[in-house]
N, C-alpha and C. Protein backbone atom coordinates (compact mmCIF):
# COMPACT_ATOMS: atom_id res chain seq x y z
N MET A 1 -8.27 -33.87 -67.02
CA MET A 1 -9.27 -34.89 -66.75
C MET A 1 -10.45 -34.31 -65.97
N LYS A 2 -10.17 -33.49 -64.96
CA LYS A 2 -11.23 -32.89 -64.17
C LYS A 2 -12.08 -31.96 -65.03
N TYR A 3 -11.41 -31.25 -65.93
CA TYR A 3 -12.12 -30.32 -66.81
C TYR A 3 -13.09 -31.08 -67.72
N ASN A 4 -12.66 -32.20 -68.30
CA ASN A 4 -13.51 -33.00 -69.17
C ASN A 4 -14.72 -33.56 -68.42
N LEU A 5 -14.50 -33.99 -67.19
CA LEU A 5 -15.59 -34.50 -66.37
C LEU A 5 -16.60 -33.39 -66.07
N PHE A 6 -16.10 -32.21 -65.76
CA PHE A 6 -16.96 -31.06 -65.48
C PHE A 6 -17.79 -30.71 -66.71
N VAL A 7 -17.18 -30.66 -67.88
CA VAL A 7 -17.89 -30.35 -69.12
C VAL A 7 -18.95 -31.41 -69.41
N PHE A 8 -18.60 -32.66 -69.22
CA PHE A 8 -19.56 -33.75 -69.45
C PHE A 8 -20.78 -33.61 -68.53
N ILE A 9 -20.54 -33.37 -67.25
CA ILE A 9 -21.63 -33.23 -66.28
C ILE A 9 -22.49 -32.02 -66.63
N PHE A 10 -21.87 -30.91 -66.98
CA PHE A 10 -22.61 -29.70 -67.34
C PHE A 10 -23.50 -29.95 -68.55
N ILE A 11 -22.97 -30.55 -69.59
CA ILE A 11 -23.74 -30.83 -70.80
C ILE A 11 -24.86 -31.81 -70.51
N PHE A 12 -24.58 -32.84 -69.73
CA PHE A 12 -25.60 -33.82 -69.39
C PHE A 12 -26.77 -33.17 -68.63
N ILE A 13 -26.47 -32.36 -67.63
CA ILE A 13 -27.52 -31.69 -66.86
C ILE A 13 -28.27 -30.71 -67.74
N PHE A 14 -27.57 -29.93 -68.54
CA PHE A 14 -28.21 -28.94 -69.39
C PHE A 14 -29.20 -29.59 -70.36
N PHE A 15 -28.79 -30.63 -71.06
CA PHE A 15 -29.65 -31.26 -72.05
C PHE A 15 -30.76 -32.09 -71.41
N SER A 16 -30.52 -32.68 -70.25
CA SER A 16 -31.60 -33.42 -69.60
C SER A 16 -32.68 -32.46 -69.12
N ASP A 17 -32.33 -31.26 -68.68
CA ASP A 17 -33.32 -30.27 -68.28
C ASP A 17 -34.14 -29.80 -69.47
N ILE A 18 -33.52 -29.61 -70.60
CA ILE A 18 -34.24 -29.19 -71.80
C ILE A 18 -35.24 -30.26 -72.22
N ARG A 19 -34.82 -31.51 -72.20
CA ARG A 19 -35.70 -32.59 -72.60
C ARG A 19 -36.91 -32.66 -71.66
N TYR A 20 -36.69 -32.51 -70.37
CA TYR A 20 -37.79 -32.56 -69.41
C TYR A 20 -38.74 -31.38 -69.59
N SER A 21 -38.18 -30.19 -69.75
CA SER A 21 -39.04 -29.01 -69.83
C SER A 21 -39.88 -29.00 -71.11
N ASN A 22 -39.44 -29.65 -72.15
CA ASN A 22 -40.24 -29.71 -73.37
C ASN A 22 -41.38 -30.71 -73.26
N SER A 23 -41.25 -31.70 -72.38
CA SER A 23 -42.27 -32.73 -72.31
C SER A 23 -43.48 -32.30 -71.51
N LYS A 24 -43.29 -31.63 -70.39
CA LYS A 24 -44.42 -31.22 -69.56
C LYS A 24 -44.06 -29.93 -68.84
N ILE A 25 -44.64 -28.86 -69.25
CA ILE A 25 -44.46 -27.61 -68.53
C ILE A 25 -45.60 -26.67 -68.89
N ILE A 26 -46.16 -26.02 -67.89
CA ILE A 26 -47.17 -25.01 -68.16
C ILE A 26 -46.76 -23.73 -67.46
N PRO A 27 -46.70 -22.65 -68.19
CA PRO A 27 -46.38 -21.36 -67.56
C PRO A 27 -47.45 -20.97 -66.56
N LYS A 28 -47.04 -20.24 -65.54
CA LYS A 28 -47.97 -19.78 -64.50
C LYS A 28 -49.13 -19.02 -65.13
N ASN A 29 -50.33 -19.37 -64.73
CA ASN A 29 -51.58 -18.73 -65.18
C ASN A 29 -51.90 -18.92 -66.65
N SER A 30 -51.26 -19.85 -67.34
CA SER A 30 -51.65 -20.07 -68.74
C SER A 30 -52.95 -20.87 -68.81
N ILE A 31 -53.18 -21.75 -67.84
CA ILE A 31 -54.44 -22.47 -67.73
C ILE A 31 -55.02 -22.16 -66.36
N THR A 32 -56.25 -21.65 -66.33
CA THR A 32 -56.88 -21.33 -65.05
C THR A 32 -58.27 -21.93 -64.98
N VAL A 33 -58.67 -22.29 -63.78
CA VAL A 33 -60.03 -22.75 -63.53
C VAL A 33 -60.81 -21.55 -63.03
N GLU A 34 -61.73 -21.07 -63.84
CA GLU A 34 -62.49 -19.86 -63.52
C GLU A 34 -63.65 -20.15 -62.57
N ASP A 35 -64.28 -21.31 -62.71
CA ASP A 35 -65.44 -21.64 -61.89
C ASP A 35 -65.61 -23.15 -61.88
N TRP A 36 -66.25 -23.68 -60.83
CA TRP A 36 -66.55 -25.10 -60.75
C TRP A 36 -67.70 -25.29 -59.78
N SER A 37 -68.30 -26.47 -59.83
CA SER A 37 -69.37 -26.84 -58.90
C SER A 37 -68.96 -28.10 -58.18
N PHE A 38 -69.46 -28.24 -56.96
CA PHE A 38 -69.09 -29.35 -56.10
C PHE A 38 -70.33 -29.84 -55.36
N TYR A 39 -70.45 -31.15 -55.22
CA TYR A 39 -71.45 -31.68 -54.30
C TYR A 39 -70.96 -33.00 -53.74
N GLY A 40 -71.45 -33.31 -52.57
CA GLY A 40 -71.11 -34.55 -51.90
C GLY A 40 -72.34 -35.09 -51.20
N THR A 41 -72.34 -36.38 -50.94
CA THR A 41 -73.45 -36.98 -50.22
C THR A 41 -72.96 -37.36 -48.82
N TRP A 42 -73.81 -37.90 -48.01
CA TRP A 42 -73.42 -38.27 -46.64
C TRP A 42 -72.33 -39.33 -46.67
N GLY A 43 -71.12 -38.94 -46.26
CA GLY A 43 -70.01 -39.88 -46.12
C GLY A 43 -69.67 -40.63 -47.39
N ALA A 44 -69.72 -39.97 -48.53
CA ALA A 44 -69.46 -40.66 -49.81
C ALA A 44 -68.36 -39.94 -50.57
N VAL A 45 -68.52 -39.83 -51.85
CA VAL A 45 -67.50 -39.24 -52.71
C VAL A 45 -67.77 -37.78 -52.99
N ALA A 46 -66.72 -37.06 -53.35
CA ALA A 46 -66.84 -35.66 -53.77
C ALA A 46 -66.97 -35.64 -55.29
N ILE A 47 -67.97 -34.97 -55.78
CA ILE A 47 -68.20 -34.86 -57.21
C ILE A 47 -67.93 -33.43 -57.64
N ILE A 48 -66.99 -33.26 -58.57
CA ILE A 48 -66.67 -31.96 -59.15
C ILE A 48 -67.28 -31.96 -60.55
N HIS A 49 -67.98 -30.89 -60.89
CA HIS A 49 -68.57 -30.83 -62.23
C HIS A 49 -68.63 -29.40 -62.73
N SER A 50 -68.90 -29.27 -64.01
CA SER A 50 -69.03 -27.98 -64.69
C SER A 50 -67.84 -27.06 -64.45
N LEU A 51 -66.66 -27.57 -64.79
CA LEU A 51 -65.44 -26.78 -64.66
C LEU A 51 -65.31 -25.81 -65.81
N LYS A 52 -65.20 -24.54 -65.51
CA LYS A 52 -64.97 -23.53 -66.54
C LYS A 52 -63.46 -23.29 -66.58
N ILE A 53 -62.82 -23.77 -67.64
CA ILE A 53 -61.37 -23.70 -67.77
C ILE A 53 -61.00 -22.75 -68.89
N LYS A 54 -60.06 -21.87 -68.60
CA LYS A 54 -59.59 -20.90 -69.59
C LYS A 54 -58.12 -21.18 -69.90
N ASN A 55 -57.83 -21.29 -71.19
CA ASN A 55 -56.46 -21.48 -71.66
C ASN A 55 -56.00 -20.17 -72.32
N ASN A 56 -55.10 -19.47 -71.66
CA ASN A 56 -54.58 -18.20 -72.18
C ASN A 56 -53.37 -18.39 -73.08
N SER A 57 -52.97 -19.63 -73.25
CA SER A 57 -51.77 -19.95 -74.02
C SER A 57 -52.12 -20.23 -75.48
N ASN A 58 -51.11 -20.17 -76.33
CA ASN A 58 -51.32 -20.53 -77.73
C ASN A 58 -50.99 -22.00 -77.97
N LYS A 59 -50.94 -22.80 -76.89
CA LYS A 59 -50.67 -24.23 -76.99
C LYS A 59 -51.88 -25.01 -76.52
N LYS A 60 -52.04 -26.19 -77.08
CA LYS A 60 -53.12 -27.09 -76.72
C LYS A 60 -52.60 -28.04 -75.63
N TYR A 61 -53.43 -28.32 -74.60
CA TYR A 61 -53.02 -29.18 -73.49
C TYR A 61 -54.00 -30.33 -73.31
N LYS A 62 -53.51 -31.39 -72.65
CA LYS A 62 -54.36 -32.52 -72.29
C LYS A 62 -53.88 -33.10 -70.96
N ASN A 63 -54.67 -34.00 -70.39
CA ASN A 63 -54.33 -34.70 -69.15
C ASN A 63 -53.86 -33.75 -68.06
N LEU A 64 -54.74 -32.90 -67.61
CA LEU A 64 -54.41 -31.92 -66.59
C LEU A 64 -54.30 -32.57 -65.21
N LYS A 65 -53.19 -32.32 -64.53
CA LYS A 65 -53.04 -32.77 -63.16
C LYS A 65 -53.54 -31.63 -62.28
N VAL A 66 -54.50 -31.93 -61.41
CA VAL A 66 -55.14 -30.89 -60.61
C VAL A 66 -55.08 -31.23 -59.12
N ARG A 67 -55.24 -30.19 -58.31
CA ARG A 67 -55.37 -30.37 -56.86
C ARG A 67 -56.54 -29.53 -56.39
N ILE A 68 -57.34 -30.13 -55.54
CA ILE A 68 -58.47 -29.42 -54.94
C ILE A 68 -58.35 -29.50 -53.43
N CYS A 69 -58.67 -28.40 -52.77
CA CYS A 69 -58.62 -28.33 -51.30
C CYS A 69 -60.04 -28.25 -50.77
N TYR A 70 -60.30 -29.02 -49.73
CA TYR A 70 -61.62 -29.06 -49.11
C TYR A 70 -61.58 -28.51 -47.69
N SER A 71 -62.68 -27.89 -47.29
CA SER A 71 -62.88 -27.50 -45.90
C SER A 71 -64.24 -28.04 -45.47
N SER A 72 -64.55 -27.92 -44.19
CA SER A 72 -65.86 -28.33 -43.72
C SER A 72 -66.51 -27.18 -42.98
N ILE A 73 -67.80 -27.29 -42.79
CA ILE A 73 -68.53 -26.23 -42.09
C ILE A 73 -67.97 -26.07 -40.68
N SER A 74 -67.59 -27.16 -40.03
CA SER A 74 -67.10 -27.10 -38.65
C SER A 74 -65.64 -26.68 -38.53
N SER A 75 -64.90 -26.58 -39.64
CA SER A 75 -63.47 -26.23 -39.56
C SER A 75 -63.21 -24.75 -39.71
N ASN A 76 -64.26 -23.93 -39.76
CA ASN A 76 -64.12 -22.48 -39.90
C ASN A 76 -63.31 -22.07 -41.13
N GLY A 77 -63.45 -22.78 -42.22
CA GLY A 77 -62.76 -22.43 -43.46
C GLY A 77 -61.35 -22.96 -43.58
N ASN A 78 -60.87 -23.70 -42.58
CA ASN A 78 -59.53 -24.28 -42.66
C ASN A 78 -59.55 -25.51 -43.56
N ILE A 79 -58.45 -25.75 -44.24
CA ILE A 79 -58.35 -26.91 -45.14
C ILE A 79 -58.29 -28.18 -44.30
N ILE A 80 -59.17 -29.12 -44.61
CA ILE A 80 -59.17 -30.40 -43.90
C ILE A 80 -58.68 -31.54 -44.78
N SER A 81 -58.67 -31.31 -46.09
CA SER A 81 -58.28 -32.37 -47.01
C SER A 81 -57.85 -31.78 -48.35
N THR A 82 -56.89 -32.42 -48.99
CA THR A 82 -56.54 -32.09 -50.37
C THR A 82 -56.55 -33.37 -51.18
N GLN A 83 -56.86 -33.24 -52.43
CA GLN A 83 -56.90 -34.40 -53.32
C GLN A 83 -56.33 -34.00 -54.67
N THR A 84 -55.50 -34.86 -55.25
CA THR A 84 -54.98 -34.62 -56.60
C THR A 84 -55.55 -35.67 -57.53
N GLY A 85 -55.62 -35.32 -58.79
CA GLY A 85 -56.12 -36.25 -59.79
C GLY A 85 -55.79 -35.76 -61.19
N ILE A 86 -56.10 -36.59 -62.17
CA ILE A 86 -55.86 -36.28 -63.57
C ILE A 86 -57.20 -36.10 -64.27
N LEU A 87 -57.36 -34.99 -64.96
CA LEU A 87 -58.54 -34.76 -65.79
C LEU A 87 -58.18 -35.12 -67.22
N ASN A 88 -58.80 -36.14 -67.75
CA ASN A 88 -58.50 -36.62 -69.10
C ASN A 88 -59.30 -35.83 -70.13
N ILE A 89 -58.96 -34.57 -70.25
CA ILE A 89 -59.62 -33.70 -71.21
C ILE A 89 -58.56 -33.01 -72.06
N GLU A 90 -58.97 -32.52 -73.21
CA GLU A 90 -58.06 -31.78 -74.09
C GLU A 90 -58.57 -30.36 -74.22
N ILE A 91 -57.68 -29.39 -73.99
CA ILE A 91 -58.06 -27.99 -73.99
C ILE A 91 -57.41 -27.29 -75.17
N PRO A 92 -58.22 -26.75 -76.09
CA PRO A 92 -57.67 -26.04 -77.25
C PRO A 92 -56.94 -24.75 -76.83
N ALA A 93 -56.08 -24.28 -77.69
CA ALA A 93 -55.35 -23.03 -77.44
C ALA A 93 -56.33 -21.86 -77.42
N MET A 94 -56.03 -20.87 -76.61
CA MET A 94 -56.80 -19.63 -76.52
C MET A 94 -58.31 -19.91 -76.44
N SER A 95 -58.71 -20.68 -75.43
CA SER A 95 -60.11 -21.06 -75.32
C SER A 95 -60.63 -20.87 -73.90
N GLU A 96 -61.93 -20.83 -73.80
CA GLU A 96 -62.63 -20.80 -72.52
C GLU A 96 -63.88 -21.64 -72.70
N LYS A 97 -63.99 -22.71 -71.90
CA LYS A 97 -65.06 -23.67 -72.12
C LYS A 97 -65.41 -24.36 -70.80
N ILE A 98 -66.63 -24.88 -70.72
CA ILE A 98 -67.05 -25.65 -69.55
C ILE A 98 -66.87 -27.13 -69.86
N TYR A 99 -66.17 -27.84 -68.96
CA TYR A 99 -65.87 -29.26 -69.12
C TYR A 99 -66.53 -30.05 -67.99
N LEU A 100 -66.66 -31.33 -68.20
CA LEU A 100 -67.13 -32.28 -67.20
C LEU A 100 -68.48 -31.89 -66.60
N ARG A 101 -69.43 -31.59 -67.45
CA ARG A 101 -70.78 -31.24 -66.97
C ARG A 101 -71.41 -32.41 -66.20
N GLU A 102 -71.04 -33.63 -66.60
CA GLU A 102 -71.60 -34.81 -65.94
C GLU A 102 -70.92 -35.12 -64.61
N GLY A 103 -69.76 -34.54 -64.35
CA GLY A 103 -69.08 -34.70 -63.07
C GLY A 103 -67.98 -35.74 -63.09
N ILE A 104 -67.08 -35.62 -62.13
CA ILE A 104 -65.99 -36.55 -61.94
C ILE A 104 -65.75 -36.68 -60.44
N THR A 105 -65.45 -37.90 -60.00
CA THR A 105 -65.15 -38.14 -58.60
C THR A 105 -63.73 -37.69 -58.30
N LEU A 106 -63.59 -36.87 -57.28
CA LEU A 106 -62.26 -36.39 -56.90
C LEU A 106 -62.17 -36.33 -55.38
N GLY A 107 -61.92 -37.49 -54.77
CA GLY A 107 -61.75 -37.57 -53.33
C GLY A 107 -63.02 -37.94 -52.61
N ALA A 108 -62.91 -38.02 -51.28
CA ALA A 108 -64.05 -38.31 -50.42
C ALA A 108 -64.79 -37.02 -50.13
N GLY A 109 -66.06 -37.10 -49.89
CA GLY A 109 -66.83 -35.89 -49.64
C GLY A 109 -67.98 -36.13 -48.70
N ALA A 110 -68.60 -35.05 -48.30
CA ALA A 110 -69.79 -35.10 -47.46
C ALA A 110 -70.56 -33.82 -47.69
N GLN A 111 -71.81 -33.79 -47.26
CA GLN A 111 -72.62 -32.59 -47.45
C GLN A 111 -72.10 -31.40 -46.67
N SER A 112 -71.33 -31.64 -45.62
CA SER A 112 -70.80 -30.54 -44.81
C SER A 112 -69.48 -29.99 -45.34
N MET A 113 -69.01 -30.49 -46.49
CA MET A 113 -67.73 -30.04 -47.04
C MET A 113 -67.92 -28.99 -48.12
N ASN A 114 -66.89 -28.15 -48.27
CA ASN A 114 -66.84 -27.14 -49.32
C ASN A 114 -65.55 -27.31 -50.11
N ALA A 115 -65.62 -27.06 -51.39
CA ALA A 115 -64.41 -27.06 -52.23
C ALA A 115 -63.87 -25.64 -52.24
N LEU A 116 -62.67 -25.46 -51.66
CA LEU A 116 -62.10 -24.11 -51.51
C LEU A 116 -61.31 -23.63 -52.71
N ASN A 117 -60.42 -24.46 -53.16
CA ASN A 117 -59.45 -24.03 -54.17
C ASN A 117 -59.26 -25.15 -55.18
N PHE A 118 -59.19 -24.79 -56.43
CA PHE A 118 -58.99 -25.75 -57.51
C PHE A 118 -57.83 -25.23 -58.34
N GLU A 119 -56.72 -25.96 -58.39
CA GLU A 119 -55.57 -25.45 -59.13
C GLU A 119 -55.02 -26.49 -60.10
N ILE A 120 -54.47 -26.00 -61.19
CA ILE A 120 -53.82 -26.83 -62.20
C ILE A 120 -52.34 -26.95 -61.81
N LEU A 121 -51.87 -28.18 -61.62
CA LEU A 121 -50.48 -28.41 -61.25
C LEU A 121 -49.59 -28.65 -62.46
N ASP A 122 -50.12 -29.36 -63.45
CA ASP A 122 -49.31 -29.75 -64.60
C ASP A 122 -50.24 -30.16 -65.75
N ALA A 123 -49.71 -30.21 -66.93
CA ALA A 123 -50.47 -30.65 -68.10
C ALA A 123 -49.49 -31.09 -69.19
N GLU A 124 -49.99 -31.90 -70.10
CA GLU A 124 -49.18 -32.34 -71.24
C GLU A 124 -49.49 -31.45 -72.42
N ILE A 125 -48.44 -31.03 -73.10
CA ILE A 125 -48.61 -30.24 -74.31
C ILE A 125 -48.92 -31.17 -75.47
N VAL A 126 -49.96 -30.84 -76.23
CA VAL A 126 -50.33 -31.64 -77.40
C VAL A 126 -49.63 -31.02 -78.62
N ASN A 127 -48.89 -31.84 -79.32
CA ASN A 127 -48.15 -31.35 -80.52
C ASN A 127 -49.01 -31.41 -81.75
């Protein structure tokens, strides 16, 4: 009885992991943000625009989950804020292109802030 329960649990965990990994997974450095622009107004929103995104993978992705880290002039380069969001764009396989030229709001911003780091956390694979 214990053996059957162990086999059942092992199979359940194994197959649930496979199902999850096929739905959303991006290998490290398969999608990179090469360059971006940032601006903010006095005590308003942070606008990210002109993202240069490179897809080194042979798979097409969409709905990128991203995180950006902000610092301020007075913080000596230390991170004062992070913001996550979803970019509703589709990235072809083996491509390098500039997206969101018109800009997207991603967090609060100010003229004294700098965008330090922009990273891709997750993405959906397009079949």
